[in-house]
């Protein structure tokens, strides 16, 4: 059952929420600020094609090898490793990597949702604070080309210890940031936004003057800071520093600005 059907701009949480608002031919935007879509933005910017994958799958290595791809390890596993070459969900680890062409990047939330949406018939896009203006411009053009097309924002959220969804304010802000980017462009589509989408926009406006402070102070940010990953939170707070538009093509995210096969 599709919810928010009367709205052209929709917002829901997590994988089940994605199922409720995403429909064939819509633009499905996955937002996981800490940290899948931030890591995705960085990886695509350094030239990698990124394969989303479900979390905790035992065949990760086999899946990556079949695609001649590296696979990321968990952030905490990389922290424990003596290797300086490990790539993980830490955006900083991806920014300093070299020769990374294909990467399988699993995560419990944003990547799992993206993997789930591969066969939905939707155009799946990854957005972070870092690339939100670029994605807003790309979406604005796509929505103008088809005035009936739906924009479905999926806030990934986090997980409680029992595996249930924990709504995460940073993803609400990320959705709102994208909507603010569309607003700045004068996009008419916001006239048809759901109440849920309007709440995200208002939440972003409340912290837009100091995103870094908000991300560092929020629960997910504090968890990373305590674990020694403050730099990842700071990197995630950088607004509009990347021009990439990661769009899922088959199994992998590629930059929509780059011709396929390049």
C-alpha atoms as a PDB file:
ATOM      1  CA  UNK A   1       0.000   0.000   0.000  1.00  0.00           C
ATOM      2  CA  UNK A   2       1.420   3.370  -1.066  1.00  0.00           C
ATOM      3  CA  UNK A   3       1.056   6.075   1.587  1.00  0.00           C
ATOM      4  CA  UNK A   4       1.155   9.876   1.130  1.00  0.00           C
ATOM      5  CA  UNK A   5      -0.274   9.113  -2.322  1.00  0.00           C
ATOM      6  CA  UNK A   6      -1.886  12.547  -2.588  1.00  0.00           C
ATOM      7  CA  UNK A   7       1.519  14.246  -2.266  1.00  0.00           C
ATOM      8  CA  UNK A   8       4.096  14.537  -5.023  1.00  0.00           C
ATOM      9  CA  UNK A   9       6.906  14.983  -2.463  1.00  0.00           C
ATOM     10  CA  UNK A  10       6.855  12.273   0.211  1.00  0.00           C
ATOM     11  CA  UNK A  11       9.015  11.337   3.184  1.00  0.00           C
ATOM     12  CA  UNK A  12       9.207   8.164   5.241  1.00  0.00           C
ATOM     13  CA  UNK A  13      11.640   6.296   7.463  1.00  0.00           C
ATOM     14  CA  UNK A  14      13.678   3.132   6.978  1.00  0.00           C
ATOM     15  CA  UNK A  15      13.188   0.132   4.682  1.00  0.00           C
ATOM     16  CA  UNK A  16       9.511  -0.382   5.479  1.00  0.00           C
ATOM     17  CA  UNK A  17       8.839   3.309   4.970  1.00  0.00           C
ATOM     18  CA  UNK A  18      10.612   3.089   1.613  1.00  0.00           C
ATOM     19  CA  UNK A  19       8.239   0.323   0.601  1.00  0.00           C
ATOM     20  CA  UNK A  20       5.297   2.566   1.487  1.00  0.00           C
ATOM     21  CA  UNK A  21       6.233   5.661  -0.531  1.00  0.00           C
ATOM     22  CA  UNK A  22       8.418   4.418  -3.402  1.00  0.00           C
ATOM     23  CA  UNK A  23       6.666   3.420  -6.599  1.00  0.00           C
ATOM     24  CA  UNK A  24       7.885   2.586 -10.131  1.00  0.00           C
ATOM     25  CA  UNK A  25       9.224   5.553 -12.108  1.00  0.00           C
ATOM     26  CA  UNK A  26       9.503   7.796  -9.048  1.00  0.00           C
ATOM     27  CA  UNK A  27      12.691   9.505  -7.880  1.00  0.00           C
ATOM     28  CA  UNK A  28      13.689   7.711  -4.659  1.00  0.00           C
ATOM     29  CA  UNK A  29      16.234   9.648  -2.610  1.00  0.00           C
ATOM     30  CA  UNK A  30      18.063   7.780   0.157  1.00  0.00           C
ATOM     31  CA  UNK A  31      19.420   9.956   2.988  1.00  0.00           C
ATOM     32  CA  UNK A  32      21.831   8.457   5.539  1.00  0.00           C
ATOM     33  CA  UNK A  33      24.021  11.325   6.712  1.00  0.00           C
ATOM     34  CA  UNK A  34      25.982   9.323   9.342  1.00  0.00           C
ATOM     35  CA  UNK A  35      27.234   7.772   7.255  1.00  0.00           C
ATOM     36  CA  UNK A  36      26.315   5.740   4.144  1.00  0.00           C
ATOM     37  CA  UNK A  37      25.328   8.532   1.781  1.00  0.00           C
ATOM     38  CA  UNK A  38      28.191  10.727   2.985  1.00  0.00           C
ATOM     39  CA  UNK A  39      30.617   7.858   2.315  1.00  0.00           C
ATOM     40  CA  UNK A  40      28.883   7.238  -1.011  1.00  0.00           C
ATOM     41  CA  UNK A  41      29.326  10.881  -2.025  1.00  0.00           C
ATOM     42  CA  UNK A  42      33.033  10.776  -1.186  1.00  0.00           C
ATOM     43  CA  UNK A  43      33.611   7.430  -2.927  1.00  0.00           C
ATOM     44  CA  UNK A  44      31.892   8.541  -6.134  1.00  0.00           C
ATOM     45  CA  UNK A  45      33.842  11.798  -6.014  1.00  0.00           C
ATOM     46  CA  UNK A  46      37.162   9.915  -5.983  1.00  0.00           C
ATOM     47  CA  UNK A  47      36.025   7.972  -9.053  1.00  0.00           C
ATOM     48  CA  UNK A  48      34.561   4.753  -7.651  1.00  0.00           C
ATOM     49  CA  UNK A  49      31.429   2.926  -8.684  1.00  0.00           C
ATOM     50  CA  UNK A  50      29.676   1.913  -5.476  1.00  0.00           C
ATOM     51  CA  UNK A  51      27.653  -1.260  -4.986  1.00  0.00           C
ATOM     52  CA  UNK A  52      25.194  -1.047  -2.082  1.00  0.00           C
ATOM     53  CA  UNK A  53      24.782  -4.286  -0.186  1.00  0.00           C
ATOM     54  CA  UNK A  54      22.710  -5.605   2.667  1.00  0.00           C
ATOM     55  CA  UNK A  55      24.403  -5.557   6.069  1.00  0.00           C
ATOM     56  CA  UNK A  56      25.854  -8.704   7.663  1.00  0.00           C
ATOM     57  CA  UNK A  57      25.577 -10.841   4.546  1.00  0.00           C
ATOM     58  CA  UNK A  58      28.030 -13.724   4.843  1.00  0.00           C
ATOM     59  CA  UNK A  59      28.762 -13.722   1.101  1.00  0.00           C
ATOM     60  CA  UNK A  60      30.119 -10.150   0.995  1.00  0.00           C
ATOM     61  CA  UNK A  61      33.606 -11.200  -0.097  1.00  0.00           C
ATOM     62  CA  UNK A  62      32.259 -13.477  -2.813  1.00  0.00           C
ATOM     63  CA  UNK A  63      29.879 -10.783  -4.053  1.00  0.00           C
ATOM     64  CA  UNK A  64      32.723  -8.242  -4.279  1.00  0.00           C
ATOM     65  CA  UNK A  65      35.131 -10.654  -5.957  1.00  0.00           C
ATOM     66  CA  UNK A  66      32.580 -11.504  -8.648  1.00  0.00           C
ATOM     67  CA  UNK A  67      32.487  -7.802  -9.537  1.00  0.00           C
ATOM     68  CA  UNK A  68      36.245  -7.266  -9.268  1.00  0.00           C
ATOM     69  CA  UNK A  69      35.525  -4.823  -6.473  1.00  0.00           C
ATOM     70  CA  UNK A  70      36.966  -3.928  -3.106  1.00  0.00           C
ATOM     71  CA  UNK A  71      34.611  -4.269  -0.182  1.00  0.00           C
ATOM     72  CA  UNK A  72      34.499  -1.957   2.789  1.00  0.00           C
ATOM     73  CA  UNK A  73      34.923  -3.302   6.300  1.00  0.00           C
ATOM     74  CA  UNK A  74      33.036  -2.015   9.311  1.00  0.00           C
ATOM     75  CA  UNK A  75      34.209   1.294  10.692  1.00  0.00           C
ATOM     76  CA  UNK A  76      35.113  -0.249  14.035  1.00  0.00           C
ATOM     77  CA  UNK A  77      36.826  -3.215  12.377  1.00  0.00           C
ATOM     78  CA  UNK A  78      38.968  -0.792  10.394  1.00  0.00           C
ATOM     79  CA  UNK A  79      39.768   1.106  13.578  1.00  0.00           C
ATOM     80  CA  UNK A  80      41.006  -2.103  15.215  1.00  0.00           C
ATOM     81  CA  UNK A  81      43.052  -3.086  12.171  1.00  0.00           C
ATOM     82  CA  UNK A  82      46.726  -2.328  11.896  1.00  0.00           C
ATOM     83  CA  UNK A  83      46.290  -1.829   8.154  1.00  0.00           C
ATOM     84  CA  UNK A  84      46.301   1.762   6.925  1.00  0.00           C
ATOM     85  CA  UNK A  85      44.661   0.741   3.657  1.00  0.00           C
ATOM     86  CA  UNK A  86      41.286  -0.433   4.968  1.00  0.00           C
ATOM     87  CA  UNK A  87      38.282   1.368   3.534  1.00  0.00           C
ATOM     88  CA  UNK A  88      35.119   1.529   5.581  1.00  0.00           C
ATOM     89  CA  UNK A  89      31.992   3.604   6.139  1.00  0.00           C
ATOM     90  CA  UNK A  90      34.355   6.287   7.428  1.00  0.00           C
ATOM     91  CA  UNK A  91      34.294   8.979   4.702  1.00  0.00           C
ATOM     92  CA  UNK A  92      37.829   9.977   5.672  1.00  0.00           C
ATOM     93  CA  UNK A  93      39.097   6.477   4.795  1.00  0.00           C
ATOM     94  CA  UNK A  94      37.572   6.807   1.321  1.00  0.00           C
ATOM     95  CA  UNK A  95      38.843  10.325   0.718  1.00  0.00           C
ATOM     96  CA  UNK A  96      42.462   9.199   1.123  1.00  0.00           C
ATOM     97  CA  UNK A  97      42.099   5.974  -0.875  1.00  0.00           C
ATOM     98  CA  UNK A  98      43.780   5.683  -4.260  1.00  0.00           C
ATOM     99  CA  UNK A  99      42.927   3.603  -7.296  1.00  0.00           C
ATOM    100  CA  UNK A 100      39.465   2.760  -5.987  1.00  0.00           C
ATOM    101  CA  UNK A 101      37.355   1.887  -9.039  1.00  0.00           C
ATOM    102  CA  UNK A 102      34.646  -0.434  -7.707  1.00  0.00           C
ATOM    103  CA  UNK A 103      33.552  -0.662  -4.089  1.00  0.00           C
ATOM    104  CA  UNK A 104      30.950  -2.759  -2.294  1.00  0.00           C
ATOM    105  CA  UNK A 105      29.829  -0.543   0.576  1.00  0.00           C
ATOM    106  CA  UNK A 106      27.468  -2.314   2.983  1.00  0.00           C
ATOM    107  CA  UNK A 107      25.696  -0.552   5.821  1.00  0.00           C
ATOM    108  CA  UNK A 108      22.801  -1.496   8.102  1.00  0.00           C
ATOM    109  CA  UNK A 109      20.628   1.398   6.968  1.00  0.00           C
ATOM    110  CA  UNK A 110      21.251   3.482   3.838  1.00  0.00           C
ATOM    111  CA  UNK A 111      23.041   0.789   1.865  1.00  0.00           C
ATOM    112  CA  UNK A 112      20.550  -1.893   2.858  1.00  0.00           C
ATOM    113  CA  UNK A 113      17.679   0.373   1.765  1.00  0.00           C
ATOM    114  CA  UNK A 114      19.396   1.156  -1.554  1.00  0.00           C
ATOM    115  CA  UNK A 115      19.984  -2.563  -2.153  1.00  0.00           C
ATOM    116  CA  UNK A 116      16.329  -3.213  -1.355  1.00  0.00           C
ATOM    117  CA  UNK A 117      15.189  -0.604  -3.889  1.00  0.00           C
ATOM    118  CA  UNK A 118      17.265  -1.926  -6.809  1.00  0.00           C
ATOM    119  CA  UNK A 119      14.321  -3.748  -8.383  1.00  0.00           C
ATOM    120  CA  UNK A 120      11.610  -1.245  -7.438  1.00  0.00           C
ATOM    121  CA  UNK A 121      11.540   0.447 -10.823  1.00  0.00           C
ATOM    122  CA  UNK A 122      12.411   3.763  -9.188  1.00  0.00           C
ATOM    123  CA  UNK A 123      15.423   5.929  -9.957  1.00  0.00           C
ATOM    124  CA  UNK A 124      17.463   5.661  -6.735  1.00  0.00           C
ATOM    125  CA  UNK A 125      19.650   8.640  -5.771  1.00  0.00           C
ATOM    126  CA  UNK A 126      22.009   9.060  -2.811  1.00  0.00           C
ATOM    127  CA  UNK A 127      22.182  12.443  -1.110  1.00  0.00           C
ATOM    128  CA  UNK A 128      24.220  13.808   1.772  1.00  0.00           C
ATOM    129  CA  UNK A 129      24.772  17.327   3.016  1.00  0.00           C
ATOM    130  CA  UNK A 130      27.960  17.406   0.953  1.00  0.00           C
ATOM    131  CA  UNK A 131      26.189  17.041  -2.416  1.00  0.00           C
ATOM    132  CA  UNK A 132      22.674  18.280  -1.689  1.00  0.00           C
ATOM    133  CA  UNK A 133      22.844  21.352  -4.007  1.00  0.00           C
ATOM    134  CA  UNK A 134      24.076  19.232  -6.917  1.00  0.00           C
ATOM    135  CA  UNK A 135      21.368  16.640  -6.325  1.00  0.00           C
ATOM    136  CA  UNK A 136      18.717  19.349  -5.923  1.00  0.00           C
ATOM    137  CA  UNK A 137      19.659  20.804  -9.310  1.00  0.00           C
ATOM    138  CA  UNK A 138      19.550  17.375 -10.955  1.00  0.00           C
ATOM    139  CA  UNK A 139      16.214  16.504  -9.362  1.00  0.00           C
ATOM    140  CA  UNK A 140      14.733  19.881 -10.263  1.00  0.00           C
ATOM    141  CA  UNK A 141      15.494  19.241 -13.922  1.00  0.00           C
ATOM    142  CA  UNK A 142      14.107  15.701 -13.776  1.00  0.00           C
ATOM    143  CA  UNK A 143      10.902  16.875 -12.094  1.00  0.00           C
ATOM    144  CA  UNK A 144      10.413  19.679 -14.610  1.00  0.00           C
ATOM    145  CA  UNK A 145      10.762  17.181 -17.443  1.00  0.00           C
ATOM    146  CA  UNK A 146       7.896  15.102 -16.000  1.00  0.00           C
ATOM    147  CA  UNK A 147       5.385  17.190 -13.999  1.00  0.00           C
ATOM    148  CA  UNK A 148       3.676  14.045 -12.687  1.00  0.00           C
ATOM    149  CA  UNK A 149       6.809  12.372 -11.327  1.00  0.00           C
ATOM    150  CA  UNK A 150       6.943  11.672  -7.590  1.00  0.00           C
ATOM    151  CA  UNK A 151       9.873  12.541  -5.318  1.00  0.00           C
ATOM    152  CA  UNK A 152      10.133  10.042  -2.447  1.00  0.00           C
ATOM    153  CA  UNK A 153      12.618  10.865   0.320  1.00  0.00           C
ATOM    154  CA  UNK A 154      13.731   7.939   2.468  1.00  0.00           C
ATOM    155  CA  UNK A 155      15.323   8.938   5.772  1.00  0.00           C
ATOM    156  CA  UNK A 156      17.402   5.869   6.629  1.00  0.00           C
ATOM    157  CA  UNK A 157      17.464   6.265  10.405  1.00  0.00           C
ATOM    158  CA  UNK A 158      19.444   4.078  12.773  1.00  0.00           C
ATOM    159  CA  UNK A 159      18.783   0.856  14.709  1.00  0.00           C
ATOM    160  CA  UNK A 160      18.083   0.139  18.334  1.00  0.00           C
ATOM    161  CA  UNK A 161      19.792  -2.899  19.875  1.00  0.00           C
ATOM    162  CA  UNK A 162      16.761  -5.051  19.085  1.00  0.00           C
ATOM    163  CA  UNK A 163      17.011  -4.167  15.387  1.00  0.00           C
ATOM    164  CA  UNK A 164      13.989  -1.874  15.327  1.00  0.00           C
ATOM    165  CA  UNK A 165      14.125   1.502  13.598  1.00  0.00           C
ATOM    166  CA  UNK A 166      15.447   4.510  15.506  1.00  0.00           C
ATOM    167  CA  UNK A 167      14.516   7.739  13.692  1.00  0.00           C
ATOM    168  CA  UNK A 168      17.686   9.842  13.499  1.00  0.00           C
ATOM    169  CA  UNK A 169      17.492  13.623  13.461  1.00  0.00           C
ATOM    170  CA  UNK A 170      20.505  13.962  11.145  1.00  0.00           C
ATOM    171  CA  UNK A 171      18.590  12.197   8.378  1.00  0.00           C
ATOM    172  CA  UNK A 172      15.584  14.448   8.947  1.00  0.00           C
ATOM    173  CA  UNK A 173      17.964  17.397   8.533  1.00  0.00           C
ATOM    174  CA  UNK A 174      19.443  15.817   5.412  1.00  0.00           C
ATOM    175  CA  UNK A 175      16.014  15.459   3.830  1.00  0.00           C
ATOM    176  CA  UNK A 176      15.206  19.030   4.795  1.00  0.00           C
ATOM    177  CA  UNK A 177      18.497  20.274   3.349  1.00  0.00           C
ATOM    178  CA  UNK A 178      17.629  18.757  -0.008  1.00  0.00           C
ATOM    179  CA  UNK A 179      14.173  20.321   0.087  1.00  0.00           C
ATOM    180  CA  UNK A 180      15.767  23.658   0.982  1.00  0.00           C
ATOM    181  CA  UNK A 181      17.961  23.263  -2.093  1.00  0.00           C
ATOM    182  CA  UNK A 182      14.864  22.789  -4.213  1.00  0.00           C
ATOM    183  CA  UNK A 183      13.225  25.770  -2.490  1.00  0.00           C
ATOM    184  CA  UNK A 184      16.271  27.918  -3.285  1.00  0.00           C
ATOM    185  CA  UNK A 185      15.798  27.006  -6.938  1.00  0.00           C
ATOM    186  CA  UNK A 186      12.149  28.029  -6.823  1.00  0.00           C
ATOM    187  CA  UNK A 187      10.972  24.473  -7.519  1.00  0.00           C
ATOM    188  CA  UNK A 188       7.205  24.314  -7.882  1.00  0.00           C
ATOM    189  CA  UNK A 189       7.150  20.705  -6.659  1.00  0.00           C
ATOM    190  CA  UNK A 190       7.267  21.874  -3.024  1.00  0.00           C
ATOM    191  CA  UNK A 191       3.699  23.099  -3.418  1.00  0.00           C
ATOM    192  CA  UNK A 192       2.751  19.415  -3.494  1.00  0.00           C
ATOM    193  CA  UNK A 193       4.832  18.277  -0.514  1.00  0.00           C
ATOM    194  CA  UNK A 194       3.398  16.140   2.276  1.00  0.00           C
ATOM    195  CA  UNK A 195       3.251  17.378   5.883  1.00  0.00           C
ATOM    196  CA  UNK A 196       6.091  14.939   6.657  1.00  0.00           C
ATOM    197  CA  UNK A 197       8.271  16.642   4.050  1.00  0.00           C
ATOM    198  CA  UNK A 198       7.401  20.109   5.381  1.00  0.00           C
ATOM    199  CA  UNK A 199       8.458  19.018   8.873  1.00  0.00           C
ATOM    200  CA  UNK A 200      11.875  17.991   7.515  1.00  0.00           C
ATOM    201  CA  UNK A 201      12.289  21.387   5.859  1.00  0.00           C
ATOM    202  CA  UNK A 202      11.425  23.199   9.076  1.00  0.00           C
ATOM    203  CA  UNK A 203      13.821  20.991  11.062  1.00  0.00           C
ATOM    204  CA  UNK A 204      16.660  21.809   8.678  1.00  0.00           C
ATOM    205  CA  UNK A 205      15.942  25.533   8.805  1.00  0.00           C
ATOM    206  CA  UNK A 206      16.275  25.343  12.601  1.00  0.00           C
ATOM    207  CA  UNK A 207      19.909  24.138  12.404  1.00  0.00           C
ATOM    208  CA  UNK A 208      21.066  25.444   9.029  1.00  0.00           C
ATOM    209  CA  UNK A 209      23.205  28.200  10.548  1.00  0.00           C
ATOM    210  CA  UNK A 210      25.436  25.681  12.368  1.00  0.00           C
ATOM    211  CA  UNK A 211      25.135  22.193  10.919  1.00  0.00           C
ATOM    212  CA  UNK A 212      28.395  21.012  12.421  1.00  0.00           C
ATOM    213  CA  UNK A 213      27.301  21.840  15.959  1.00  0.00           C
ATOM    214  CA  UNK A 214      23.998  20.063  15.398  1.00  0.00           C
ATOM    215  CA  UNK A 215      25.604  16.934  13.989  1.00  0.00           C
ATOM    216  CA  UNK A 216      28.233  16.756  16.712  1.00  0.00           C
ATOM    217  CA  UNK A 217      25.612  17.195  19.457  1.00  0.00           C
ATOM    218  CA  UNK A 218      22.985  14.766  18.151  1.00  0.00           C
ATOM    219  CA  UNK A 219      22.833  11.198  19.425  1.00  0.00           C
ATOM    220  CA  UNK A 220      24.372   9.580  16.338  1.00  0.00           C
ATOM    221  CA  UNK A 221      27.096  12.200  16.219  1.00  0.00           C
ATOM    222  CA  UNK A 222      27.946  11.716  19.878  1.00  0.00           C
ATOM    223  CA  UNK A 223      28.200   7.972  19.357  1.00  0.00           C
ATOM    224  CA  UNK A 224      30.800   8.513  16.637  1.00  0.00           C
ATOM    225  CA  UNK A 225      32.653  11.200  18.603  1.00  0.00           C
ATOM    226  CA  UNK A 226      32.965   8.897  21.623  1.00  0.00           C
ATOM    227  CA  UNK A 227      34.315   6.151  19.365  1.00  0.00           C
ATOM    228  CA  UNK A 228      37.015   8.421  17.931  1.00  0.00           C
ATOM    229  CA  UNK A 229      35.320   9.401  14.664  1.00  0.00           C
ATOM    230  CA  UNK A 230      34.699  13.108  15.192  1.00  0.00           C
ATOM    231  CA  UNK A 231      36.351  13.845  11.831  1.00  0.00           C
ATOM    232  CA  UNK A 232      33.655  11.796  10.098  1.00  0.00           C
ATOM    233  CA  UNK A 233      30.951  13.913  11.724  1.00  0.00           C
ATOM    234  CA  UNK A 234      32.705  17.128  10.715  1.00  0.00           C
ATOM    235  CA  UNK A 235      33.115  15.853   7.151  1.00  0.00           C
ATOM    236  CA  UNK A 236      29.414  14.944   7.011  1.00  0.00           C
ATOM    237  CA  UNK A 237      28.462  18.492   8.049  1.00  0.00           C
ATOM    238  CA  UNK A 238      30.175  20.155   5.085  1.00  0.00           C
ATOM    239  CA  UNK A 239      27.435  21.604   2.903  1.00  0.00           C
ATOM    240  CA  UNK A 240      27.562  21.692  -0.910  1.00  0.00           C
ATOM    241  CA  UNK A 241      31.241  20.771  -1.268  1.00  0.00           C
ATOM    242  CA  UNK A 242      30.664  18.031  -3.852  1.00  0.00           C
ATOM    243  CA  UNK A 243      29.091  18.136  -7.314  1.00  0.00           C
ATOM    244  CA  UNK A 244      28.505  14.391  -7.721  1.00  0.00           C
ATOM    245  CA  UNK A 245      25.022  12.920  -8.195  1.00  0.00           C
ATOM    246  CA  UNK A 246      25.138   9.201  -7.294  1.00  0.00           C
ATOM    247  CA  UNK A 247      22.380   7.350  -9.156  1.00  0.00           C
ATOM    248  CA  UNK A 248      21.844   3.609  -9.010  1.00  0.00           C
ATOM    249  CA  UNK A 249      22.432   2.053 -12.412  1.00  0.00           C
ATOM    250  CA  UNK A 250      21.783  -1.672 -12.238  1.00  0.00           C
ATOM    251  CA  UNK A 251      23.705  -2.841  -9.190  1.00  0.00           C
ATOM    252  CA  UNK A 252      25.935   0.169  -8.648  1.00  0.00           C
ATOM    253  CA  UNK A 253      25.860   3.884  -7.985  1.00  0.00           C
ATOM    254  CA  UNK A 254      27.530   6.011 -10.655  1.00  0.00           C
ATOM    255  CA  UNK A 255      27.779   9.762 -11.094  1.00  0.00           C
ATOM    256  CA  UNK A 256      24.765  10.811 -13.173  1.00  0.00           C
ATOM    257  CA  UNK A 257      26.885  13.541 -14.743  1.00  0.00           C
ATOM    258  CA  UNK A 258      29.260  10.970 -16.217  1.00  0.00           C
ATOM    259  CA  UNK A 259      28.316   8.993 -19.351  1.00  0.00           C
ATOM    260  CA  UNK A 260      27.970   5.294 -18.569  1.00  0.00           C
ATOM    261  CA  UNK A 261      30.997   3.301 -19.671  1.00  0.00           C
ATOM    262  CA  UNK A 262      33.349   6.249 -19.258  1.00  0.00           C
END
